[in-house]
Amino acid sequence: MNPERQEAYLKLIERVLTCPNGQEPEVLSSCSDLIDAGFVQMLIEISASMAREGDEDTANFLVQLARLLGKSLRLSPDLMPAG
């Protein structure tokens, strides 16, 4: 994954986490070109980092988002976080 795309993923995750509650779908749809398997993988990585830091709520939110996007992208179940 190239560094520019990685940075774009991180910025999108930050936007999703800081947007007003309920506006996440609009934020994601405004950057639909970034919604792919790499973004789902980045969500999983960031959620693991948040969990290690003790931010379980954010970690759980990101895992749920990764699951939803993974299903909508029809990703292989082994690429999605475990339940």
Protein backbone atom coordinates (compact mmCIF):
# COMPACT_ATOMS: atom_id res chain seq x y z
CA MET A 1 0.00 0.00 0.00
CA ASN A 2 1.48 3.33 -0.96
CA PRO A 3 2.07 5.95 1.75
CA GLU A 4 -0.26 8.51 0.17
CA ARG A 5 -3.18 6.07 0.20
CA GLN A 6 -2.35 5.04 3.75
CA GLU A 7 -2.41 8.69 4.82
CA ALA A 8 -5.75 9.20 3.04
CA TYR A 9 -7.18 6.18 4.91
CA LEU A 10 -6.00 7.60 8.23
CA LYS A 11 -7.51 11.00 7.48
CA LEU A 12 -10.82 9.40 6.53
CA ILE A 13 -10.86 7.36 9.74
CA GLU A 14 -10.19 10.53 11.71
CA ARG A 15 -13.04 12.31 9.90
CA VAL A 16 -15.41 9.42 10.66
CA LEU A 17 -14.41 9.43 14.33
CA THR A 18 -14.82 13.18 14.72
CA CYS A 19 -17.95 13.83 12.67
CA PRO A 20 -21.28 14.42 14.41
CA ASN A 21 -23.03 11.23 15.43
CA GLY A 22 -25.08 9.83 12.56
CA GLN A 23 -23.12 11.56 9.79
CA GLU A 24 -20.65 8.72 9.30
CA PRO A 25 -22.40 7.42 6.15
CA GLU A 26 -22.16 10.85 4.49
CA VAL A 27 -18.48 11.15 5.38
CA LEU A 28 -17.78 7.71 3.96
CA SER A 29 -19.80 8.29 0.79
CA SER A 30 -17.95 11.56 0.18
CA CYS A 31 -14.75 9.51 -0.09
CA SER A 32 -16.13 6.39 -1.74
CA ASP A 33 -12.95 6.06 -3.83
CA LEU A 34 -11.11 5.14 -0.60
CA ILE A 35 -13.57 2.45 0.50
CA ASP A 36 -11.82 -0.79 -0.41
CA ALA A 37 -10.14 -3.81 1.17
CA GLY A 38 -7.15 -1.66 2.17
CA PHE A 39 -9.41 0.72 4.08
CA VAL A 40 -11.09 -2.20 5.87
CA GLN A 41 -7.65 -3.54 6.81
CA MET A 42 -6.62 -0.10 8.11
CA LEU A 43 -9.80 0.04 10.22
CA ILE A 44 -8.86 -3.30 11.76
CA GLU A 45 -5.30 -2.15 12.48
CA ILE A 46 -6.45 1.12 14.05
CA SER A 47 -9.09 -0.68 16.13
CA ALA A 48 -6.41 -3.00 17.51
CA SER A 49 -4.27 0.01 18.40
CA MET A 50 -7.21 1.72 20.11
CA ALA A 51 -7.94 -1.44 22.09
CA ARG A 52 -4.32 -1.62 23.26
CA GLU A 53 -4.60 2.01 24.40
CA GLY A 54 -7.73 1.15 26.38
CA ASP A 55 -10.22 2.93 24.11
CA GLU A 56 -12.60 -0.01 23.78
CA ASP A 57 -15.56 2.06 22.54
CA THR A 58 -13.64 3.43 19.58
CA ALA A 59 -12.07 0.04 18.89
CA ASN A 60 -15.50 -1.63 18.86
CA PHE A 61 -16.94 1.06 16.60
CA LEU A 62 -14.12 0.61 14.09
CA VAL A 63 -14.50 -3.18 14.13
CA GLN A 64 -18.24 -2.86 13.47
CA LEU A 65 -17.53 -0.42 10.65
CA ALA A 66 -14.95 -2.81 9.18
CA ARG A 67 -17.49 -5.64 9.30
CA LEU A 68 -20.18 -3.58 7.59
CA LEU A 69 -17.87 -2.35 4.87
CA GLY A 70 -16.34 -5.79 4.44
CA LYS A 71 -19.78 -7.27 3.85
CA SER A 72 -20.79 -4.52 1.43
CA LEU A 73 -17.52 -5.01 -0.47
CA ARG A 74 -18.06 -8.79 -0.40
CA LEU A 75 -14.64 -9.36 1.11
CA SER A 76 -13.55 -12.83 2.06
CA PRO A 77 -14.54 -13.57 5.69
CA ASP A 78 -10.90 -14.21 6.58
CA LEU A 79 -10.16 -10.55 5.79
CA MET A 80 -12.77 -9.31 8.24
CA PRO A 81 -12.44 -9.05 12.01
CA ALA A 82 -13.69 -11.97 14.05
CA GLY A 83 -16.93 -11.67 15.97
